[in-house]
N, C-alpha and C. Protein backbone atom coordinates (compact mmCIF):
# COMPACT_ATOMS: atom_id res chain seq x y z
N UNK A 1 16.12 -16.33 11.67
CA UNK A 1 16.76 -14.90 11.58
C UNK A 1 15.35 -14.25 10.96
N UNK A 2 15.04 -13.16 11.58
CA UNK A 2 13.87 -12.34 11.15
C UNK A 2 14.39 -11.35 9.99
N UNK A 3 13.61 -11.37 9.03
CA UNK A 3 13.69 -10.62 7.57
C UNK A 3 13.77 -9.16 8.05
N UNK A 4 14.22 -8.19 7.55
CA UNK A 4 14.15 -6.62 7.81
C UNK A 4 12.66 -6.25 7.14
N UNK A 5 11.92 -5.36 7.95
CA UNK A 5 10.53 -4.77 7.47
C UNK A 5 10.97 -3.31 7.32
N UNK A 6 10.08 -2.89 6.30
CA UNK A 6 10.09 -1.42 5.93
C UNK A 6 8.53 -1.06 5.88
N UNK A 7 8.42 0.13 6.15
CA UNK A 7 7.03 0.68 6.05
C UNK A 7 6.96 1.82 5.08
N UNK A 8 5.92 1.92 4.30
CA UNK A 8 5.84 3.07 3.17
C UNK A 8 4.20 3.51 3.39
N UNK A 9 4.09 4.93 3.25
CA UNK A 9 2.98 5.42 3.30
C UNK A 9 2.79 6.02 1.82
N UNK A 10 1.38 5.65 1.12
CA UNK A 10 0.96 5.69 -0.14
C UNK A 10 -0.22 6.81 0.04
N UNK A 11 0.04 8.03 -0.63
CA UNK A 11 -0.95 8.77 -0.85
C UNK A 11 -1.95 8.47 -2.11
N UNK A 12 -3.03 8.19 -1.79
CA UNK A 12 -3.86 7.95 -3.03
C UNK A 12 -4.78 9.46 -3.37
N UNK A 13 -4.67 9.68 -4.65
CA UNK A 13 -5.46 11.08 -4.94
C UNK A 13 -6.93 11.15 -4.58
N UNK A 14 -7.46 9.91 -4.91
CA UNK A 14 -9.08 9.94 -4.64
C UNK A 14 -9.08 9.31 -3.29
N UNK A 15 -10.36 10.15 -2.73
CA UNK A 15 -10.78 9.90 -1.33
C UNK A 15 -11.20 8.19 -1.37
N UNK A 16 -10.56 7.52 -0.53
CA UNK A 16 -10.95 5.93 -0.12
C UNK A 16 -12.05 6.01 0.89
N UNK A 17 -12.99 5.21 1.05
CA UNK A 17 -13.79 4.82 2.10
C UNK A 17 -13.73 3.32 2.39
N UNK A 18 -14.56 2.87 3.38
CA UNK A 18 -14.62 1.43 3.69
C UNK A 18 -14.98 0.44 2.56
N UNK A 19 -16.03 1.20 1.59
CA UNK A 19 -16.30 0.42 0.52
C UNK A 19 -15.04 0.44 -0.82
N UNK A 20 -14.66 1.37 -1.03
CA UNK A 20 -13.64 1.71 -2.19
C UNK A 20 -12.44 1.10 -1.81
N UNK A 21 -12.01 1.06 -0.63
CA UNK A 21 -10.78 0.52 -0.10
C UNK A 21 -10.31 -0.98 -0.43
N UNK A 22 -11.54 -1.49 -0.21
CA UNK A 22 -11.50 -2.96 -0.26
C UNK A 22 -10.74 -3.48 -1.38
N UNK A 23 -11.03 -3.56 -2.57
CA UNK A 23 -10.27 -3.80 -3.60
C UNK A 23 -8.77 -3.47 -3.68
N UNK A 24 -8.50 -2.27 -3.62
CA UNK A 24 -6.89 -1.75 -3.40
C UNK A 24 -6.30 -2.39 -2.15
N UNK A 25 -6.80 -2.65 -1.03
CA UNK A 25 -6.11 -3.12 -0.08
C UNK A 25 -5.96 -4.75 -0.21
N UNK A 26 -6.90 -5.42 -0.91
CA UNK A 26 -6.45 -6.85 -1.28
C UNK A 26 -5.38 -7.01 -2.36
N UNK A 27 -5.31 -6.12 -3.45
CA UNK A 27 -4.42 -5.90 -4.44
C UNK A 27 -3.13 -6.00 -3.66
N UNK A 28 -2.88 -5.22 -3.05
CA UNK A 28 -1.57 -4.91 -1.98
C UNK A 28 -1.27 -5.91 -1.37
N UNK A 29 -2.27 -6.65 -0.71
CA UNK A 29 -1.86 -7.84 0.16
C UNK A 29 -1.60 -8.92 -0.41
N UNK A 30 -1.91 -8.87 -2.00
CA UNK A 30 -1.39 -10.26 -2.75
C UNK A 30 -0.05 -9.98 -3.19
N UNK A 31 0.61 -8.93 -3.11
CA UNK A 31 2.08 -8.62 -3.60
C UNK A 31 2.95 -9.54 -2.81
N UNK A 32 3.69 -10.56 -3.22
CA UNK A 32 4.55 -11.10 -2.43
C UNK A 32 5.40 -10.31 -1.56
N UNK A 33 5.75 -10.39 -0.27
CA UNK A 33 6.58 -9.59 0.52
C UNK A 33 5.67 -8.66 1.48
N UNK A 34 4.70 -8.55 1.00
CA UNK A 34 3.55 -7.54 1.84
C UNK A 34 3.27 -8.23 3.31
N UNK A 35 3.66 -7.38 4.48
CA UNK A 35 3.28 -8.10 5.60
C UNK A 35 1.95 -7.54 6.20
N UNK A 36 1.75 -6.48 6.09
CA UNK A 36 0.43 -5.66 6.38
C UNK A 36 0.05 -4.30 5.64
N UNK A 37 -1.31 -4.17 5.38
CA UNK A 37 -1.60 -2.99 4.90
C UNK A 37 -2.78 -2.53 5.75
N UNK A 38 -2.52 -1.06 5.93
CA UNK A 38 -3.46 -0.51 6.94
C UNK A 38 -4.30 0.76 6.23
N UNK A 39 -5.20 0.90 6.44
CA UNK A 39 -6.09 2.19 5.99
C UNK A 39 -6.95 2.39 7.09
N UNK A 40 -6.91 3.80 7.40
CA UNK A 40 -7.81 4.39 8.43
C UNK A 40 -8.84 5.43 7.42
N UNK A 41 -10.23 5.09 7.80
CA UNK A 41 -11.02 6.09 7.08
C UNK A 41 -11.03 7.50 7.32
N UNK A 42 -10.46 7.78 8.54
CA UNK A 42 -10.11 9.19 9.05
C UNK A 42 -9.27 9.81 8.24
N UNK A 43 -8.30 9.12 7.41
CA UNK A 43 -7.16 9.62 6.77
C UNK A 43 -7.59 9.19 5.29
N UNK A 44 -8.66 9.52 4.62
CA UNK A 44 -8.96 8.82 3.65
C UNK A 44 -8.27 8.55 2.20
N UNK A 45 -6.94 9.29 2.30
CA UNK A 45 -6.02 9.39 1.25
C UNK A 45 -4.78 8.43 1.34
N UNK A 46 -4.76 7.90 2.57
CA UNK A 46 -3.67 7.12 3.16
C UNK A 46 -3.74 5.95 3.04
N UNK A 47 -2.42 4.84 2.73
CA UNK A 47 -2.19 3.62 2.96
C UNK A 47 -1.23 3.43 3.36
N UNK A 48 -0.98 2.41 4.51
CA UNK A 48 0.39 2.20 5.14
C UNK A 48 0.85 0.70 4.82
N UNK A 49 1.76 0.53 4.10
CA UNK A 49 2.13 -0.82 3.78
C UNK A 49 3.49 -1.32 4.42
N UNK A 50 3.34 -2.29 5.09
CA UNK A 50 4.51 -2.85 5.75
C UNK A 50 4.97 -4.01 4.90
N UNK A 51 6.23 -4.11 4.46
CA UNK A 51 6.80 -5.19 3.59
C UNK A 51 8.19 -5.57 3.76
N UNK A 52 8.48 -6.60 3.20
CA UNK A 52 9.86 -7.11 3.28
C UNK A 52 10.70 -6.69 2.01
N UNK A 53 11.73 -5.68 2.10
CA UNK A 53 12.43 -5.06 0.98
C UNK A 53 13.07 -6.13 0.08
N UNK A 54 13.51 -7.25 0.74
CA UNK A 54 14.24 -8.18 0.04
C UNK A 54 13.45 -9.05 -0.96
N UNK A 55 12.18 -9.00 -0.77
CA UNK A 55 11.10 -9.50 -1.63
C UNK A 55 10.24 -8.40 -2.45
N UNK A 56 10.15 -7.36 -2.24
CA UNK A 56 9.43 -6.46 -3.03
C UNK A 56 9.90 -5.09 -2.70
N UNK A 57 9.57 -4.07 -3.60
CA UNK A 57 10.08 -2.88 -3.36
C UNK A 57 8.53 -1.47 -3.41
N UNK A 58 9.18 -0.55 -2.75
CA UNK A 58 8.27 0.65 -2.79
C UNK A 58 7.47 0.94 -4.21
N UNK A 59 8.35 0.60 -5.16
CA UNK A 59 7.93 1.01 -6.56
C UNK A 59 6.95 0.02 -7.24
N UNK A 60 7.27 -1.26 -6.77
CA UNK A 60 6.44 -2.29 -6.87
C UNK A 60 4.99 -2.14 -6.35
N UNK A 61 5.03 -1.63 -5.05
CA UNK A 61 3.63 -1.47 -4.21
C UNK A 61 2.88 -0.35 -5.17
N UNK A 62 3.52 0.42 -5.71
CA UNK A 62 3.10 1.65 -6.16
C UNK A 62 2.51 1.42 -7.48
N UNK A 63 3.29 0.56 -8.31
CA UNK A 63 2.55 -0.07 -9.44
C UNK A 63 1.20 -0.64 -9.20
N UNK A 64 1.15 -1.61 -8.04
CA UNK A 64 0.07 -2.18 -7.58
C UNK A 64 -1.12 -1.30 -7.48
N UNK A 65 -0.67 -0.32 -7.02
CA UNK A 65 -2.04 0.84 -6.75
C UNK A 65 -2.21 1.30 -8.03
N UNK A 66 -1.47 1.85 -8.85
CA UNK A 66 -1.75 2.33 -10.11
C UNK A 66 -2.46 1.28 -11.37
N UNK A 67 -1.89 -0.08 -11.11
CA UNK A 67 -2.76 -1.12 -11.97
C UNK A 67 -4.08 -1.11 -11.53
N UNK A 68 -4.46 -0.82 -10.23
CA UNK A 68 -5.77 -1.03 -9.71
C UNK A 68 -6.64 0.05 -10.03
N UNK A 69 -6.15 1.15 -10.99
CA UNK A 69 -6.79 2.14 -11.54
C UNK A 69 -6.77 3.40 -10.44
N UNK A 70 -6.12 3.73 -9.56
CA UNK A 70 -5.69 4.80 -8.64
C UNK A 70 -4.56 5.45 -9.14
N UNK A 71 -4.66 6.83 -8.66
CA UNK A 71 -3.52 7.53 -8.99
C UNK A 71 -3.10 7.86 -7.62
N UNK A 72 -1.66 7.71 -7.55
CA UNK A 72 -1.17 7.88 -6.21
C UNK A 72 0.58 8.23 -6.29
N UNK A 73 1.08 8.39 -5.23
CA UNK A 73 2.35 8.79 -4.87
C UNK A 73 2.76 8.20 -3.65
N UNK A 74 4.13 8.03 -3.39
CA UNK A 74 4.85 7.56 -2.28
C UNK A 74 5.14 8.68 -1.73
N UNK A 75 4.78 8.73 -0.22
CA UNK A 75 4.96 9.90 0.56
C UNK A 75 5.81 9.55 1.75
N UNK A 76 6.31 8.18 1.99
CA UNK A 76 6.85 7.78 3.17
C UNK A 76 7.91 6.60 2.65
N UNK A 77 9.14 6.71 3.08
CA UNK A 77 9.91 5.55 2.54
C UNK A 77 10.56 5.17 4.10
């Protein structure tokens, strides 16, 4: 049985680039239940995270971003 997946978009207040996004993406990837983390440098404020809602939540993902030193908001649930 395949577990359900959800996608959320996180808006990071500070602009990210290839260099500054690395630690943030790594932090998110280490959260249990995260399947994929995507960042497009052309959309420098957005991070897309696919995750399993039975393991983690959008609030936990946002907390991971905040703990990494970024200000951010959830914009897609």
